Amino acid sequence: MSAALVKNAERMMTSAEPLKDGIEITFADGFKGLVPFGEIPKVDTGEDVVSVELPNPYEVLLHTKTGETVEVPWDFVRHYCDFSYQTGLKGVALAGKKAIGSRIRQLRESASLTQQALAQAAGVGRVTLVRIENGEQSPRYDTLVSLARGLGRPVLHLLVSEQDARGNVVAALDASRIKKLEFKPVQIRGGSLSETVLRDRR
């Protein structure tokens, strides 16, 4: 039986560097590409950006002079960095639209929101939300940001489940980082059941 590998691990972002014209991203497969500042919502030029953060392999955070944090997911970055990825996206566009739509519907229903309530909270049209949830329309990045804000969730949670996001990030940690982790038993109050939790020794 072969080892299970992180899906799309070669496309994980490993570094993000602000340059004059945009953010240069390096991926695990060695590919580098530039995302122009003008293509990033709420960012016009490099002067608008105070700092860049790569908290995990799947999103870049841009901190602006206005105090806002702009989340840029890895697939948005790869779209601008890799023409072959753009070509590949066309083949899975329908499945992708349906998956995102289904995920947004699940988050909306778990928050006990109607389509109208979420549309108002996000500042998007209800018809647009219906089309997105039905997989008939691919949401623009700024629409995803608005929907995430309306749901009180990070954009990443609209793209993948929280469990998948955590699992992929943990799987992507390098060996030296993993060696710093240890398991310790924890006694749950009021019972005899114990559970094992991950603790960081750094």
C-alpha atoms as a PDB file:
ATOM      1  CA  MET A   1       0.000   0.000   0.000  1.00  0.00           C
ATOM      2  CA  SER A   2       1.455   3.377  -0.993  1.00  0.00           C
ATOM      3  CA  ALA A   3       1.587   6.475   1.194  1.00  0.00           C
ATOM      4  CA  ALA A   4      -1.182   9.047   0.910  1.00  0.00           C
ATOM      5  CA  LEU A   5       0.030  12.411  -0.328  1.00  0.00           C
ATOM      6  CA  VAL A   6      -1.487  15.852   0.101  1.00  0.00           C
ATOM      7  CA  LYS A   7      -3.558  16.643  -2.973  1.00  0.00           C
ATOM      8  CA  ASN A   8      -2.036  19.464  -5.040  1.00  0.00           C
ATOM      9  CA  ALA A   9       0.933  19.655  -2.637  1.00  0.00           C
ATOM     10  CA  GLU A  10       3.163  20.771  -5.498  1.00  0.00           C
ATOM     11  CA  ARG A  11       0.952  23.828  -5.923  1.00  0.00           C
ATOM     12  CA  MET A  12       1.235  24.977  -2.306  1.00  0.00           C
ATOM     13  CA  MET A  13       2.650  28.454  -1.865  1.00  0.00           C
ATOM     14  CA  THR A  14       6.005  28.533  -0.075  1.00  0.00           C
ATOM     15  CA  SER A  15       6.871  32.245  -0.170  1.00  0.00           C
ATOM     16  CA  ALA A  16       5.328  35.618  -1.003  1.00  0.00           C
ATOM     17  CA  GLU A  17       7.454  38.674  -1.709  1.00  0.00           C
ATOM     18  CA  PRO A  18       6.156  42.177  -2.450  1.00  0.00           C
ATOM     19  CA  LEU A  19       7.816  43.704  -5.512  1.00  0.00           C
ATOM     20  CA  LYS A  20       7.276  46.993  -7.330  1.00  0.00           C
ATOM     21  CA  ASP A  21       4.512  45.724  -9.637  1.00  0.00           C
ATOM     22  CA  GLY A  22       2.934  42.968  -7.551  1.00  0.00           C
ATOM     23  CA  ILE A  23       3.389  40.000  -5.239  1.00  0.00           C
ATOM     24  CA  GLU A  24       5.857  37.360  -6.405  1.00  0.00           C
ATOM     25  CA  ILE A  25       4.760  33.911  -5.280  1.00  0.00           C
ATOM     26  CA  THR A  26       6.909  30.784  -5.177  1.00  0.00           C
ATOM     27  CA  PHE A  27       5.207  27.391  -5.220  1.00  0.00           C
ATOM     28  CA  ALA A  28       6.418  24.033  -3.890  1.00  0.00           C
ATOM     29  CA  ASP A  29       6.974  22.828  -7.472  1.00  0.00           C
ATOM     30  CA  GLY A  30       9.528  25.625  -7.939  1.00  0.00           C
ATOM     31  CA  PHE A  31       7.284  27.738 -10.145  1.00  0.00           C
ATOM     32  CA  LYS A  32       7.324  31.510  -9.578  1.00  0.00           C
ATOM     33  CA  GLY A  33       4.822  34.035 -10.776  1.00  0.00           C
ATOM     34  CA  LEU A  34       3.686  37.601 -10.232  1.00  0.00           C
ATOM     35  CA  VAL A  35       0.198  38.725  -9.247  1.00  0.00           C
ATOM     36  CA  PRO A  36      -0.161  42.406 -10.260  1.00  0.00           C
ATOM     37  CA  PHE A  37      -1.393  44.685  -7.453  1.00  0.00           C
ATOM     38  CA  GLY A  38      -4.091  46.051  -9.777  1.00  0.00           C
ATOM     39  CA  GLU A  39      -5.664  42.576 -10.069  1.00  0.00           C
ATOM     40  CA  ILE A  40      -6.059  42.191  -6.303  1.00  0.00           C
ATOM     41  CA  PRO A  41      -9.343  43.575  -4.890  1.00  0.00           C
ATOM     42  CA  LYS A  42      -8.933  46.681  -2.693  1.00  0.00           C
ATOM     43  CA  VAL A  43      -5.291  47.069  -3.762  1.00  0.00           C
ATOM     44  CA  ASP A  44      -4.318  49.464  -6.558  1.00  0.00           C
ATOM     45  CA  THR A  45      -0.557  49.797  -6.125  1.00  0.00           C
ATOM     46  CA  GLY A  46       2.225  48.491  -3.909  1.00  0.00           C
ATOM     47  CA  GLU A  47       1.976  51.701  -1.894  1.00  0.00           C
ATOM     48  CA  ASP A  48      -1.381  50.496  -0.550  1.00  0.00           C
ATOM     49  CA  VAL A  49       0.259  47.424   1.047  1.00  0.00           C
ATOM     50  CA  VAL A  50       1.958  47.683   4.446  1.00  0.00           C
ATOM     51  CA  SER A  51       2.935  44.020   4.816  1.00  0.00           C
ATOM     52  CA  VAL A  52       2.462  40.581   3.275  1.00  0.00           C
ATOM     53  CA  GLU A  53       1.862  37.404   5.266  1.00  0.00           C
ATOM     54  CA  LEU A  54       1.755  33.734   4.250  1.00  0.00           C
ATOM     55  CA  PRO A  55       0.081  32.093   7.296  1.00  0.00           C
ATOM     56  CA  ASN A  56      -0.395  28.763   5.507  1.00  0.00           C
ATOM     57  CA  PRO A  57       0.285  27.254   2.058  1.00  0.00           C
ATOM     58  CA  TYR A  58      -3.179  28.175   0.795  1.00  0.00           C
ATOM     59  CA  GLU A  59      -3.612  31.922   1.273  1.00  0.00           C
ATOM     60  CA  VAL A  60      -1.692  35.178   1.198  1.00  0.00           C
ATOM     61  CA  LEU A  61      -2.746  38.018   3.502  1.00  0.00           C
ATOM     62  CA  LEU A  62      -2.101  41.604   2.435  1.00  0.00           C
ATOM     63  CA  HIS A  63      -2.303  44.220   5.192  1.00  0.00           C
ATOM     64  CA  THR A  64      -3.193  47.630   3.750  1.00  0.00           C
ATOM     65  CA  LYS A  65      -2.675  51.220   4.907  1.00  0.00           C
ATOM     66  CA  THR A  66      -6.398  51.477   5.616  1.00  0.00           C
ATOM     67  CA  GLY A  67      -6.087  48.700   8.211  1.00  0.00           C
ATOM     68  CA  GLU A  68      -7.840  46.084   6.082  1.00  0.00           C
ATOM     69  CA  THR A  69      -6.578  42.547   5.573  1.00  0.00           C
ATOM     70  CA  VAL A  70      -7.097  41.239   2.050  1.00  0.00           C
ATOM     71  CA  GLU A  71      -7.199  37.439   1.751  1.00  0.00           C
ATOM     72  CA  VAL A  72      -5.885  36.019  -1.525  1.00  0.00           C
ATOM     73  CA  PRO A  73      -6.357  32.211  -1.893  1.00  0.00           C
ATOM     74  CA  TRP A  74      -3.784  30.031  -3.640  1.00  0.00           C
ATOM     75  CA  ASP A  75      -5.966  29.172  -6.644  1.00  0.00           C
ATOM     76  CA  PHE A  76      -6.506  32.874  -7.360  1.00  0.00           C
ATOM     77  CA  VAL A  77      -2.720  33.368  -7.232  1.00  0.00           C
ATOM     78  CA  ARG A  78      -2.003  30.345  -9.416  1.00  0.00           C
ATOM     79  CA  HIS A  79      -4.558  31.605 -11.934  1.00  0.00           C
ATOM     80  CA  TYR A  80      -2.330  34.609 -12.606  1.00  0.00           C
ATOM     81  CA  CYS A  81       0.967  32.769 -12.268  1.00  0.00           C
ATOM     82  CA  ASP A  82       0.556  29.683 -14.399  1.00  0.00           C
ATOM     83  CA  PHE A  83      -1.061  29.608 -17.834  1.00  0.00           C
ATOM     84  CA  SER A  84      -1.243  25.821 -17.774  1.00  0.00           C
ATOM     85  CA  TYR A  85      -3.257  26.044 -14.572  1.00  0.00           C
ATOM     86  CA  GLN A  86      -5.713  28.404 -16.272  1.00  0.00           C
ATOM     87  CA  THR A  87      -6.110  25.820 -19.029  1.00  0.00           C
ATOM     88  CA  GLY A  88      -6.637  23.082 -16.465  1.00  0.00           C
ATOM     89  CA  LEU A  89      -9.276  25.131 -14.703  1.00  0.00           C
ATOM     90  CA  LYS A  90     -11.487  25.077 -17.802  1.00  0.00           C
ATOM     91  CA  GLY A  91     -11.745  21.300 -17.585  1.00  0.00           C
ATOM     92  CA  VAL A  92     -12.987  21.360 -13.994  1.00  0.00           C
ATOM     93  CA  ALA A  93     -14.939  24.624 -14.051  1.00  0.00           C
ATOM     94  CA  LEU A  94     -18.377  23.049 -13.712  1.00  0.00           C
ATOM     95  CA  ALA A  95     -17.348  20.766 -10.833  1.00  0.00           C
ATOM     96  CA  GLY A  96     -15.622  23.683  -9.126  1.00  0.00           C
ATOM     97  CA  LYS A  97     -18.642  25.965  -9.408  1.00  0.00           C
ATOM     98  CA  LYS A  98     -20.910  23.264  -7.999  1.00  0.00           C
ATOM     99  CA  ALA A  99     -18.520  22.502  -5.112  1.00  0.00           C
ATOM    100  CA  ILE A 100     -18.210  26.155  -4.085  1.00  0.00           C
ATOM    101  CA  GLY A 101     -21.961  26.671  -4.421  1.00  0.00           C
ATOM    102  CA  SER A 102     -22.683  23.633  -2.277  1.00  0.00           C
ATOM    103  CA  ARG A 103     -20.160  24.775   0.340  1.00  0.00           C
ATOM    104  CA  ILE A 104     -21.697  28.261   0.536  1.00  0.00           C
ATOM    105  CA  ARG A 105     -25.188  26.740   0.872  1.00  0.00           C
ATOM    106  CA  GLN A 106     -23.993  24.471   3.714  1.00  0.00           C
ATOM    107  CA  LEU A 107     -22.408  27.378   5.599  1.00  0.00           C
ATOM    108  CA  ARG A 108     -25.500  29.553   5.086  1.00  0.00           C
ATOM    109  CA  GLU A 109     -27.859  26.832   6.324  1.00  0.00           C
ATOM    110  CA  SER A 110     -25.633  26.034   9.324  1.00  0.00           C
ATOM    111  CA  ALA A 111     -25.812  29.748  10.214  1.00  0.00           C
ATOM    112  CA  SER A 112     -29.646  29.589   9.907  1.00  0.00           C
ATOM    113  CA  LEU A 113     -29.654  32.296   7.246  1.00  0.00           C
ATOM    114  CA  THR A 114     -32.057  32.559   4.339  1.00  0.00           C
ATOM    115  CA  GLN A 115     -30.671  33.369   0.900  1.00  0.00           C
ATOM    116  CA  GLN A 116     -32.199  36.829   1.204  1.00  0.00           C
ATOM    117  CA  ALA A 117     -30.585  37.430   4.616  1.00  0.00           C
ATOM    118  CA  LEU A 118     -27.125  36.374   3.430  1.00  0.00           C
ATOM    119  CA  ALA A 119     -27.457  38.367   0.213  1.00  0.00           C
ATOM    120  CA  GLN A 120     -28.298  41.501   2.231  1.00  0.00           C
ATOM    121  CA  ALA A 121     -25.497  40.908   4.744  1.00  0.00           C
ATOM    122  CA  ALA A 122     -22.991  40.397   1.927  1.00  0.00           C
ATOM    123  CA  GLY A 123     -24.294  43.211  -0.257  1.00  0.00           C
ATOM    124  CA  VAL A 124     -24.899  40.953  -3.268  1.00  0.00           C
ATOM    125  CA  GLY A 125     -28.068  40.282  -5.226  1.00  0.00           C
ATOM    126  CA  ARG A 126     -30.236  37.372  -4.106  1.00  0.00           C
ATOM    127  CA  VAL A 127     -30.449  36.106  -7.698  1.00  0.00           C
ATOM    128  CA  THR A 128     -26.648  36.117  -7.866  1.00  0.00           C
ATOM    129  CA  LEU A 129     -26.464  34.091  -4.645  1.00  0.00           C
ATOM    130  CA  VAL A 130     -29.050  31.607  -5.956  1.00  0.00           C
ATOM    131  CA  ARG A 131     -27.044  31.129  -9.170  1.00  0.00           C
ATOM    132  CA  ILE A 132     -23.811  30.650  -7.199  1.00  0.00           C
ATOM    133  CA  GLU A 133     -25.370  28.111  -4.822  1.00  0.00           C
ATOM    134  CA  ASN A 134     -26.837  26.200  -7.780  1.00  0.00           C
ATOM    135  CA  GLY A 135     -23.431  26.030  -9.461  1.00  0.00           C
ATOM    136  CA  GLU A 136     -24.652  28.119 -12.403  1.00  0.00           C
ATOM    137  CA  GLN A 137     -22.275  31.017 -11.784  1.00  0.00           C
ATOM    138  CA  SER A 138     -18.680  31.200 -10.650  1.00  0.00           C
ATOM    139  CA  PRO A 139     -18.304  33.874  -7.957  1.00  0.00           C
ATOM    140  CA  ARG A 140     -15.765  36.640  -8.453  1.00  0.00           C
ATOM    141  CA  TYR A 141     -13.151  36.953  -5.734  1.00  0.00           C
ATOM    142  CA  ASP A 142     -14.670  40.125  -4.295  1.00  0.00           C
ATOM    143  CA  THR A 143     -18.049  38.349  -4.165  1.00  0.00           C
ATOM    144  CA  LEU A 144     -16.449  35.485  -2.219  1.00  0.00           C
ATOM    145  CA  VAL A 145     -14.944  38.011   0.194  1.00  0.00           C
ATOM    146  CA  SER A 146     -18.369  39.652   0.672  1.00  0.00           C
ATOM    147  CA  LEU A 147     -20.093  36.296   1.239  1.00  0.00           C
ATOM    148  CA  ALA A 148     -17.395  35.233   3.702  1.00  0.00           C
ATOM    149  CA  ARG A 149     -17.895  38.481   5.603  1.00  0.00           C
ATOM    150  CA  GLY A 150     -21.676  37.950   5.621  1.00  0.00           C
ATOM    151  CA  LEU A 151     -21.179  34.442   7.003  1.00  0.00           C
ATOM    152  CA  GLY A 152     -18.560  35.554   9.523  1.00  0.00           C
ATOM    153  CA  ARG A 153     -16.023  33.118   8.062  1.00  0.00           C
ATOM    154  CA  PRO A 154     -12.602  33.392   6.393  1.00  0.00           C
ATOM    155  CA  VAL A 155     -12.635  33.068   2.601  1.00  0.00           C
ATOM    156  CA  LEU A 156     -10.738  29.765   2.869  1.00  0.00           C
ATOM    157  CA  HIS A 157     -13.773  28.145   4.538  1.00  0.00           C
ATOM    158  CA  LEU A 158     -15.878  28.919   1.451  1.00  0.00           C
ATOM    159  CA  LEU A 159     -13.417  26.975  -0.695  1.00  0.00           C
ATOM    160  CA  VAL A 160     -12.744  23.936   1.521  1.00  0.00           C
ATOM    161  CA  SER A 161     -14.156  22.564   4.751  1.00  0.00           C
ATOM    162  CA  GLU A 162     -12.505  23.590   8.013  1.00  0.00           C
ATOM    163  CA  GLN A 163     -11.421  19.979   8.559  1.00  0.00           C
ATOM    164  CA  ASP A 164      -9.805  19.753   5.101  1.00  0.00           C
ATOM    165  CA  ALA A 165      -8.094  23.123   5.567  1.00  0.00           C
ATOM    166  CA  ARG A 166      -6.617  22.036   8.911  1.00  0.00           C
ATOM    167  CA  GLY A 167      -5.653  18.594   7.572  1.00  0.00           C
ATOM    168  CA  ASN A 168      -3.849  19.946   4.516  1.00  0.00           C
ATOM    169  CA  VAL A 169      -1.932  22.534   6.527  1.00  0.00           C
ATOM    170  CA  VAL A 170      -0.816  19.957   9.097  1.00  0.00           C
ATOM    171  CA  ALA A 171       0.194  17.524   6.337  1.00  0.00           C
ATOM    172  CA  ALA A 172       2.231  20.269   4.677  1.00  0.00           C
ATOM    173  CA  LEU A 173       4.412  20.934   7.724  1.00  0.00           C
ATOM    174  CA  ASP A 174       8.044  19.990   7.206  1.00  0.00           C
ATOM    175  CA  ALA A 175       9.778  17.228   9.142  1.00  0.00           C
ATOM    176  CA  SER A 176      11.667  19.567  11.442  1.00  0.00           C
ATOM    177  CA  ARG A 177       8.404  21.191  12.533  1.00  0.00           C
ATOM    178  CA  ILE A 178       6.739  17.826  13.128  1.00  0.00           C
ATOM    179  CA  LYS A 179       9.631  16.721  15.346  1.00  0.00           C
ATOM    180  CA  LYS A 180       8.789  19.580  17.691  1.00  0.00           C
ATOM    181  CA  LEU A 181       5.322  18.183  18.327  1.00  0.00           C
ATOM    182  CA  GLU A 182       4.438  15.635  20.927  1.00  0.00           C
ATOM    183  CA  PHE A 183       1.289  13.884  22.130  1.00  0.00           C
ATOM    184  CA  LYS A 184       0.250  14.070  25.754  1.00  0.00           C
ATOM    185  CA  PRO A 185      -2.780  12.487  27.425  1.00  0.00           C
ATOM    186  CA  VAL A 186      -5.329  14.879  28.886  1.00  0.00           C
ATOM    187  CA  GLN A 187      -7.869  13.928  31.548  1.00  0.00           C
ATOM    188  CA  ILE A 188     -11.362  15.266  30.877  1.00  0.00           C
ATOM    189  CA  ARG A 189     -13.026  16.771  33.954  1.00  0.00           C
ATOM    190  CA  GLY A 190     -15.863  14.868  35.511  1.00  0.00           C
ATOM    191  CA  GLY A 191     -15.091  11.571  33.841  1.00  0.00           C
ATOM    192  CA  SER A 192     -12.581   8.840  33.322  1.00  0.00           C
ATOM    193  CA  LEU A 193     -12.266   9.349  29.572  1.00  0.00           C
ATOM    194  CA  SER A 194      -8.936  10.700  28.368  1.00  0.00           C
ATOM    195  CA  GLU A 195      -8.040  12.067  24.967  1.00  0.00           C
ATOM    196  CA  THR A 196      -4.791  12.710  23.168  1.00  0.00           C
ATOM    197  CA  VAL A 197      -4.070  16.240  22.006  1.00  0.00           C
ATOM    198  CA  LEU A 198      -1.274  17.722  19.972  1.00  0.00           C
ATOM    199  CA  ARG A 199       1.035  20.057  21.866  1.00  0.00           C
ATOM    200  CA  ASP A 200       3.775  22.256  20.507  1.00  0.00           C
ATOM    201  CA  ARG A 201       7.115  22.135  22.370  1.00  0.00           C
ATOM    202  CA  ARG A 202       8.535  25.251  20.712  1.00  0.00           C
END
